[in-house]
Protein backbone atom coordinates (compact mmCIF):
# COMPACT_ATOMS: atom_id res chain seq x y z
CA MET A 1 25.83 -6.38 -12.81
CA ALA A 2 22.82 -6.61 -15.10
CA THR A 3 20.13 -3.98 -14.40
CA THR A 4 16.59 -5.10 -13.44
CA PHE A 5 13.89 -2.55 -12.36
CA ALA A 6 10.24 -1.61 -12.46
CA ALA A 7 9.37 2.08 -12.69
CA LEU A 8 6.30 4.17 -13.02
CA ILE A 9 6.67 7.36 -15.10
CA PHE A 10 4.29 10.25 -14.45
CA ARG A 11 3.66 14.00 -14.91
CA THR A 12 4.91 15.34 -11.57
CA ALA A 13 1.85 17.61 -11.16
CA GLU A 14 -0.56 14.68 -11.59
CA ILE A 15 0.60 12.22 -9.07
CA PRO A 16 1.23 13.13 -5.41
CA ASP A 17 3.64 11.17 -3.21
CA ARG A 18 0.55 10.02 -1.17
CA ALA A 19 -0.94 8.42 -4.31
CA LEU A 20 2.25 6.69 -4.97
CA SER A 21 2.59 5.36 -1.46
CA GLN A 22 -1.12 4.32 -1.10
CA GLY A 23 -1.39 2.85 -4.71
CA PHE A 24 1.67 0.61 -4.17
CA ALA A 25 0.51 -0.50 -0.81
CA VAL A 26 -2.99 -1.41 -2.18
CA ALA A 27 -1.41 -3.41 -4.99
CA LEU A 28 0.92 -5.12 -2.42
CA GLY A 29 -1.95 -5.84 0.00
CA GLY A 30 -1.85 -9.55 -0.25
CA TRP A 31 1.97 -9.78 -0.97
CA ASP A 32 4.38 -10.86 1.79
CA VAL A 33 7.37 -8.79 0.78
CA ALA A 34 10.22 -7.86 3.03
CA SER A 35 10.23 -4.04 2.96
CA PRO A 36 8.71 -2.56 -0.09
CA ARG A 37 9.84 0.88 -0.95
CA LEU A 38 9.84 3.62 -3.72
CA PHE A 39 12.71 5.73 -4.90
CA VAL A 40 11.64 8.81 -6.81
CA ALA A 41 13.50 11.20 -9.03
CA GLN A 42 12.95 13.70 -11.79
CA LEU A 43 13.63 12.30 -15.19
CA PRO A 44 16.85 13.96 -16.52
CA GLY A 45 16.07 15.93 -19.72
CA ALA A 46 12.42 15.66 -19.27
CA PRO A 47 10.97 18.66 -17.34
CA GLY A 48 7.78 17.88 -15.60
CA LEU A 49 8.23 14.09 -15.60
CA SER A 50 9.19 11.98 -12.62
CA ALA A 51 9.92 8.19 -12.05
CA ALA A 52 9.20 6.08 -9.12
CA PHE A 53 11.32 2.94 -8.87
CA TYR A 54 9.81 0.01 -6.90
CA SER A 55 11.95 -2.51 -4.77
CA SER A 56 10.58 -5.34 -2.79
CA GLY A 57 13.36 -5.06 -0.28
CA ALA A 58 14.66 -8.58 -1.15
CA PRO A 59 18.38 -8.87 -0.62
CA ALA A 60 20.59 -7.46 -3.42
CA GLY A 61 21.25 -9.94 -6.03
CA GLY A 62 17.71 -11.45 -5.99
CA GLY A 63 18.14 -11.98 -9.76
CA ASP A 64 15.37 -14.03 -11.37
CA ASP A 65 13.27 -14.13 -8.21
CA GLU A 66 13.10 -10.32 -8.21
CA LEU A 67 12.18 -10.10 -11.93
CA ASP A 68 9.55 -12.86 -11.53
CA HIS A 69 8.10 -10.76 -8.60
CA LEU A 70 8.13 -7.66 -10.71
CA VAL A 71 6.45 -9.39 -13.67
CA GLU A 72 3.78 -10.94 -11.64
CA LEU A 73 2.96 -7.86 -9.65
CA PHE A 74 2.71 -5.57 -12.67
CA GLU A 75 0.67 -8.10 -14.65
CA ASP A 76 -1.85 -8.40 -11.88
CA GLU A 77 -5.30 -7.02 -12.57
CA LEU A 78 -4.84 -4.72 -9.62
CA SER A 79 -1.32 -3.54 -10.48
CA PRO A 80 0.59 -0.65 -8.96
CA PRO A 81 -0.26 1.86 -11.91
CA VAL A 82 -3.93 0.89 -11.65
CA ALA A 83 -4.01 1.50 -7.82
CA VAL A 84 -1.92 4.69 -8.12
CA LEU A 85 -4.38 6.13 -10.58
CA ASP A 86 -7.21 5.28 -8.13
CA ALA A 87 -5.49 6.88 -5.30
CA ALA A 88 -4.69 9.99 -7.40
CA ALA A 89 -8.35 10.27 -8.37
CA GLU A 90 -9.28 10.14 -4.66
CA LEU A 91 -6.92 13.02 -4.00
CA GLY A 92 -8.49 15.17 -6.70
CA HIS A 93 -6.13 14.27 -9.60
CA ALA A 94 -8.72 12.43 -11.86
CA GLY A 95 -7.69 12.15 -15.56
CA ALA A 96 -3.99 11.38 -14.89
CA THR A 97 -1.93 9.16 -17.07
CA VAL A 98 0.74 6.77 -15.78
CA PHE A 99 3.36 4.86 -17.81
CA ALA A 100 5.19 1.87 -16.49
CA LEU A 101 8.29 -0.16 -17.47
CA VAL A 102 9.52 -3.50 -16.30
CA PHE A 103 12.98 -3.92 -17.71
CA SER A 104 15.86 -6.44 -17.38
CA GLU A 105 19.19 -6.71 -19.04
CA ASP A 106 19.90 -10.13 -17.69
CA VAL A 107 17.35 -11.64 -20.00
CA VAL A 108 15.33 -10.11 -22.82
CA HIS A 109 12.49 -8.34 -20.91
CA ASP A 110 11.27 -4.88 -21.90
CA ASP A 111 7.60 -4.29 -21.01
CA GLY A 112 6.03 -0.86 -21.31
CA TRP A 113 2.49 0.30 -20.38
CA ARG A 114 0.33 3.32 -20.59
CA PHE A 115 -2.52 3.47 -18.12
CA GLU A 116 -5.43 6.01 -17.91
CA ALA A 117 -8.98 5.94 -16.78
CA SER A 118 -10.25 4.70 -20.14
CA GLY A 119 -7.90 1.79 -20.21
CA PHE A 120 -4.44 0.64 -21.08
CA VAL A 121 -1.95 -0.18 -23.92
CA ARG A 122 0.99 -2.47 -23.44
CA HIS A 123 3.99 -3.25 -25.70
CA PHE A 124 6.56 -5.83 -24.75
CA VAL A 125 9.31 -8.17 -25.74
CA ARG A 126 10.27 -11.13 -23.55
CA GLU A 127 11.93 -14.52 -23.50
CA GLY A 128 9.15 -17.15 -24.12
CA GLU A 129 9.36 -20.90 -23.98
CA GLU A 130 10.04 -21.15 -27.73
CA GLY A 131 12.25 -18.09 -28.00
CA ILE A 132 11.81 -14.34 -27.97
CA GLU A 133 8.24 -13.15 -28.27
CA ALA A 134 6.67 -9.76 -28.81
CA GLY A 135 3.19 -8.49 -27.93
CA VAL A 136 0.64 -5.77 -28.02
CA GLU A 137 -2.15 -5.75 -25.51
CA ALA A 138 -5.09 -3.55 -24.90
CA PRO A 139 -8.63 -4.13 -23.34
CA ASP A 140 -9.93 -5.37 -26.63
CA ARG A 141 -6.80 -7.07 -28.23
CA SER A 142 -3.92 -9.33 -27.31
CA ASP A 143 -1.49 -10.18 -30.15
CA ILE A 144 1.60 -12.18 -29.37
CA VAL A 145 4.15 -13.19 -32.00
CA GLU A 146 7.49 -14.92 -32.10
CA VAL A 147 10.39 -12.57 -33.15
CA ASP A 148 12.35 -13.83 -36.12
CA VAL A 149 16.11 -12.98 -35.98
CA ASP A 150 17.75 -13.04 -39.44
CA LEU A 151 21.29 -14.49 -38.87
CA PRO A 152 23.83 -15.26 -41.53
CA GLU A 153 25.39 -18.69 -41.45
CA GLY A 154 28.50 -18.82 -39.13
CA ALA A 155 27.47 -15.40 -37.45
CA THR A 156 29.71 -14.49 -34.50
CA ALA A 157 28.36 -13.88 -30.95
CA ALA A 158 28.57 -10.06 -31.58
CA GLU A 159 26.80 -10.29 -34.88
CA GLU A 160 23.98 -12.44 -33.29
CA ARG A 161 23.56 -9.81 -30.44
CA ASP A 162 23.42 -6.91 -33.06
CA ALA A 163 20.89 -8.80 -35.13
CA THR A 164 18.72 -9.73 -32.11
CA GLU A 165 18.79 -6.08 -31.03
CA ARG A 166 17.59 -4.96 -34.47
CA ALA A 167 14.90 -7.55 -34.49
CA ILE A 168 13.39 -6.67 -30.96
CA ARG A 169 14.01 -2.89 -30.98
CA PRO A 170 10.60 -1.96 -32.72
CA HIS A 171 8.72 -4.18 -30.29
CA ARG A 172 10.49 -2.93 -26.97
CA GLY A 173 8.25 -1.49 -24.35
CA SER A 174 10.90 1.31 -23.94
CA THR A 175 10.53 1.98 -27.65
CA PHE A 176 6.78 2.46 -27.25
CA LEU A 177 7.20 4.70 -24.22
CA ALA A 178 9.83 6.79 -26.02
CA ALA A 179 7.39 7.53 -28.84
CA GLU A 180 4.59 8.24 -26.29
CA LEU A 181 6.70 10.71 -24.21
CA GLY A 182 8.94 12.06 -26.98
CA ILE A 183 12.24 11.30 -24.93
CA PRO A 184 14.74 8.64 -24.87
CA VAL A 185 12.95 6.78 -21.99
CA LEU A 186 15.45 4.01 -21.19
CA GLY A 187 18.47 6.37 -20.94
CA ALA A 188 16.47 8.77 -18.85
CA LEU A 189 15.34 6.06 -16.59
CA MET A 190 18.91 4.65 -16.13
CA GLY A 191 20.03 8.13 -15.23
CA ALA A 192 17.33 8.57 -12.63
CA LEU A 193 17.72 4.97 -11.20
CA PHE A 194 21.28 5.79 -10.06
CA ALA A 195 20.46 9.27 -8.78
CA PRO A 196 17.30 9.00 -6.73
CA GLU A 197 16.07 12.18 -4.94
CA ARG A 198 14.09 10.62 -2.17
CA ARG A 199 12.70 7.48 -0.74
CA LEU A 200 8.94 6.92 -0.14
CA GLU A 201 7.68 4.38 2.32
CA VAL A 202 4.89 2.13 1.01
CA ARG A 203 1.93 2.84 3.31
CA LEU A 204 -1.84 2.29 3.17
CA ILE A 205 -2.33 5.11 5.70
CA GLU A 206 0.17 7.62 6.75
CA PRO A 207 1.20 7.65 10.42
CA GLY A 208 1.29 10.72 12.72
CA PRO A 209 -1.06 12.87 14.62
CA GLY A 210 -2.17 14.93 11.58
CA SER A 211 -3.01 11.72 9.62
CA ILE A 212 -5.01 10.36 12.71
CA ALA A 213 -6.93 13.58 12.93
CA ASP A 214 -7.82 13.41 9.21
CA GLU A 215 -8.94 9.88 9.58
CA VAL A 216 -11.17 10.73 12.55
CA ALA A 217 -12.68 13.56 10.59
CA ARG A 218 -13.39 11.20 7.71
CA LEU A 219 -15.12 8.81 10.14
CA ASN A 220 -17.22 11.74 11.65
CA ARG A 221 -18.32 12.53 8.18
CA VAL A 222 -19.40 9.06 7.32
CA LEU A 223 -21.26 8.64 10.67
CA ARG A 224 -22.62 12.28 10.48
CA ARG A 225 -21.13 13.03 13.85
CA GLU A 226 -19.68 16.16 15.38
CA GLY A 227 -15.92 16.32 15.79
CA GLY A 228 -14.59 16.89 19.35
CA ARG A 229 -18.04 16.65 21.02
CA GLY A 230 -17.57 15.53 24.65
CA ALA A 231 -13.83 15.27 24.27
CA PRO A 232 -11.91 15.44 27.63
CA ALA A 233 -9.33 18.15 28.00
CA SER A 234 -6.52 15.58 27.60
CA PRO A 235 -6.17 11.84 27.92
CA PRO A 236 -4.67 10.64 31.32
CA PRO A 237 -1.59 8.61 31.72
CA VAL A 238 -2.30 4.92 32.43
CA ARG A 239 0.04 3.02 34.89
CA GLY A 240 2.68 5.67 34.23
CA VAL A 241 2.43 5.40 30.41
CA ALA A 242 1.73 8.62 28.74
CA PRO A 243 -0.79 8.67 25.85
CA PRO A 244 0.91 8.64 22.38
CA ALA A 245 0.58 11.93 20.44
CA THR A 246 -1.67 10.08 17.82
CA TYR A 247 -4.06 9.07 20.54
CA ALA A 248 -4.20 12.59 21.93
CA ALA A 249 -5.00 13.78 18.33
CA PHE A 250 -7.83 11.08 18.10
CA VAL A 251 -9.31 12.19 21.37
CA ARG A 252 -9.51 15.82 20.28
CA ALA A 253 -11.19 14.93 17.00
CA TYR A 254 -13.50 12.11 17.96
CA ASP A 255 -17.23 12.41 18.80
CA TRP A 256 -17.61 11.03 22.31
CA ALA A 257 -21.27 12.13 22.94
CA ASP A 258 -23.32 11.40 19.78
CA PRO A 259 -26.91 11.43 21.16
CA ALA A 260 -28.02 9.22 18.18
CA ASP A 261 -25.60 6.51 19.12
CA PRO A 262 -24.90 6.54 22.88
CA GLU A 263 -23.47 2.99 23.07
CA ASP A 264 -20.90 3.92 20.31
CA LEU A 265 -20.33 0.35 19.50
CA TYR A 266 -18.65 -1.02 16.23
CA ARG A 267 -19.99 -4.44 15.67
CA GLU A 268 -18.89 -7.48 13.73
CA LEU A 269 -15.30 -6.11 12.96
CA ALA A 270 -12.94 -8.56 11.30
CA ILE A 271 -9.53 -7.06 10.52
CA GLY A 272 -6.46 -8.96 11.62
CA ALA A 273 -6.91 -10.02 15.27
CA VAL A 274 -9.45 -7.35 15.85
CA GLU A 275 -12.57 -9.41 15.66
CA GLY A 276 -15.83 -8.75 17.34
CA THR A 277 -17.39 -5.56 18.77
CA LEU A 278 -15.17 -2.61 19.64
CA ARG A 279 -15.76 0.36 21.83
CA PHE A 280 -13.30 3.16 22.36
CA LEU A 281 -12.46 3.62 26.07
CA ARG A 282 -13.79 6.72 27.91
CA GLU A 283 -11.81 8.67 30.34
CA ASP A 284 -13.22 7.04 33.42
CA GLU A 285 -12.22 3.67 31.88
CA LEU A 286 -8.75 4.86 31.06
CA ARG A 287 -8.24 5.87 34.78
CA GLY A 288 -9.74 2.46 35.77
CA HIS A 289 -6.79 0.79 34.23
CA ASP A 290 -4.67 2.01 37.02
CA ARG A 291 -6.58 -0.57 39.10
CA GLU A 292 -7.10 -3.18 36.37
CA PRO A 293 -5.73 -6.52 37.62
CA GLY A 294 -2.78 -7.68 35.59
CA TRP A 295 -2.28 -4.50 33.56
CA GLU A 296 1.20 -3.96 34.99
CA ALA A 297 2.68 -6.27 32.41
CA ALA A 298 1.12 -4.45 29.56
CA ALA A 299 2.23 -1.10 31.22
CA ALA A 300 5.78 -2.59 31.39
CA ARG A 301 5.79 -2.88 27.61
CA GLN A 302 4.69 0.74 27.37
CA LEU A 303 1.21 -0.18 25.87
CA TYR A 304 -1.60 2.38 26.17
CA PRO A 305 -5.18 1.09 26.20
CA ILE A 306 -7.54 2.68 23.71
CA ALA A 307 -10.54 0.29 23.15
CA ARG A 308 -12.37 -2.66 24.58
CA LEU A 309 -12.99 -5.69 22.23
CA SER A 310 -15.77 -8.25 22.98
CA GLY A 311 -17.13 -11.28 21.16
CA SER A 312 -19.08 -10.87 18.05
CA ALA A 313 -22.84 -10.68 18.28
CA LEU A 314 -23.02 -13.34 15.71
CA GLY A 315 -21.33 -15.73 18.10
CA GLY A 316 -19.23 -18.87 17.36
CA GLY A 317 -15.90 -18.85 15.50
CA ALA A 318 -12.77 -17.03 16.20
CA ALA A 319 -14.44 -13.73 16.92
CA ALA A 320 -16.40 -15.34 19.83
CA LEU A 321 -13.06 -16.34 21.37
CA ALA A 322 -12.06 -12.69 21.55
CA GLY A 323 -13.76 -12.44 24.89
CA ARG A 324 -12.72 -9.63 27.13
CA ALA A 325 -9.74 -7.97 25.46
CA ILE A 326 -8.19 -4.61 25.11
CA VAL A 327 -6.83 -2.97 22.03
CA ALA A 328 -3.60 -1.08 22.97
CA LEU A 329 -1.47 1.46 21.20
CA GLY A 330 2.36 1.06 21.18
CA THR A 331 4.85 3.91 22.06
CA ASP A 332 5.25 4.68 18.21
CA GLY A 333 1.60 5.87 18.18
CA GLU A 334 1.00 3.52 15.15
CA ARG A 335 1.19 -0.22 16.00
CA LEU A 336 -1.90 -1.74 17.78
CA TRP A 337 -1.85 -4.77 19.98
CA VAL A 338 -4.60 -7.00 21.35
CA VAL A 339 -4.02 -7.53 25.17
CA ARG A 340 -5.83 -10.41 27.05
CA GLY A 341 -5.75 -10.67 30.72
CA GLY A 342 -3.36 -7.65 30.83
CA THR A 343 -0.44 -9.96 30.10
CA SER A 344 -0.77 -11.68 26.61
CA ALA A 345 -0.14 -9.12 23.96
CA THR A 346 -0.44 -10.11 20.25
CA PRO A 347 -0.11 -7.97 17.17
CA ALA A 348 -3.50 -6.67 16.16
CA GLY A 349 -2.65 -6.41 12.52
CA PRO A 350 -3.89 -2.98 11.45
CA THR A 351 -2.11 0.25 12.45
CA PHE A 352 -4.18 2.82 14.25
CA GLY A 353 -4.74 4.80 11.09
CA GLU A 354 -5.67 1.66 9.12
CA LEU A 355 -8.25 0.64 11.76
CA LEU A 356 -9.80 4.04 11.56
CA ARG A 357 -9.96 3.98 7.78
CA TYR A 358 -11.42 0.46 7.93
CA LEU A 359 -14.24 1.69 10.34
CA SER A 360 -15.12 4.59 7.90
CA LEU A 361 -15.07 2.32 4.86
CA GLY A 362 -17.14 -0.20 6.68
CA TRP A 363 -20.00 2.35 7.10
CA SER A 364 -19.78 3.69 3.70
CA ARG A 365 -21.12 2.93 0.28
CA ARG A 366 -17.85 1.99 -1.34
CA SER A 367 -16.52 2.68 -4.85
CA ASP A 368 -14.54 -0.02 -6.78
CA ALA A 369 -11.35 1.68 -5.69
CA GLU A 370 -12.50 1.77 -2.03
CA GLU A 371 -13.43 -1.94 -2.17
CA ASP A 372 -9.71 -2.43 -3.34
CA LEU A 373 -8.48 -0.37 -0.30
CA ILE A 374 -10.53 -2.18 2.23
CA GLY A 375 -9.45 -5.51 0.79
CA ALA A 376 -5.86 -4.40 1.11
CA LEU A 377 -6.32 -3.25 4.59
CA MET A 378 -7.69 -6.59 5.59
CA LEU A 379 -5.03 -8.62 3.74
CA ARG A 380 -2.17 -6.55 5.26
CA ALA A 381 -3.62 -6.83 8.63
CA ARG A 382 -4.03 -10.52 8.43
CA LEU A 383 -0.39 -10.92 7.29
CA ARG A 384 0.88 -8.69 10.29
CA SER A 385 -1.34 -10.55 12.81
CA LEU A 386 0.21 -13.78 11.71
CA GLY A 387 3.67 -12.38 12.16
CA GLY A 388 4.27 -11.59 8.39
């Protein structure tokens, strides 16, 4: 079977796993892909270098469709390497360099990139409409030429393959990367591709209580609040449903008694199906759900209420139809639902952690990278709320 792949190559000390996961998630924000994932491995024979191989999760044998997806994704202005560099900088690794290769044996396609904060350089060969073409791109140049293959008359198929390889070898992206890194890149990548060391989920925000505590701390800093102020000893069960561990972590870290903002309302939200004004439920309101008419159905689905959602102050549109609704957390402590009338539960779109990051970004002066992140949060939430 012909090999097709897209890989990022990086110095292991410069790019944490979180930067890989978040960066690919940002780049994929508006893409409806099945189950994106990364496989990471050290490059054999290249101490200090690692590779992350991306897969869309499409069924094996996707062929041309998968290559088309890889090409389009990596040629996008907000490509995975760009978003990974942004995420690495956010995590304290500014100045990192990332290399990328999109490669296929099935057709002539060998596209190599070097990305850094100052810009990029790209070398490639590919099959164009008129034959094989080669190119070099940078922020200030774009040169594409047809590759001439010198063939003797009556050349055999083997001679044609050899002549084609000689003609394209100097232009290959893998040839460019081999010179940049001082290693036989293609061979090293082939070795790593078939011996991955670990799998990474592609996530905008990590799940789990620790991540939620970090997101609440971030929100507190943005709003100049005091973590844990007025927090109850522990959140109560609601209709027999115990609070997920992520919600318990939220309760401990959140500021429940900010004297500068006693209403504690988050107005004009628009992320997935969470539209309007949101207020996190207090302890007495949680206990009141034991008497809330119709909440038995939500409890039967093991949903735990965490916030009340009301129509936007702007009025009109879909937000105004939100009416009286509850944002509830599923048993996994990650997925959110919008519950109306205690019975109708629809996917909210964002995860719990994504909602908290959206809130902190919404009340921040955002960098370009943060604008990309909030855009990805909204796009991903929209796809999920529609069942994507």
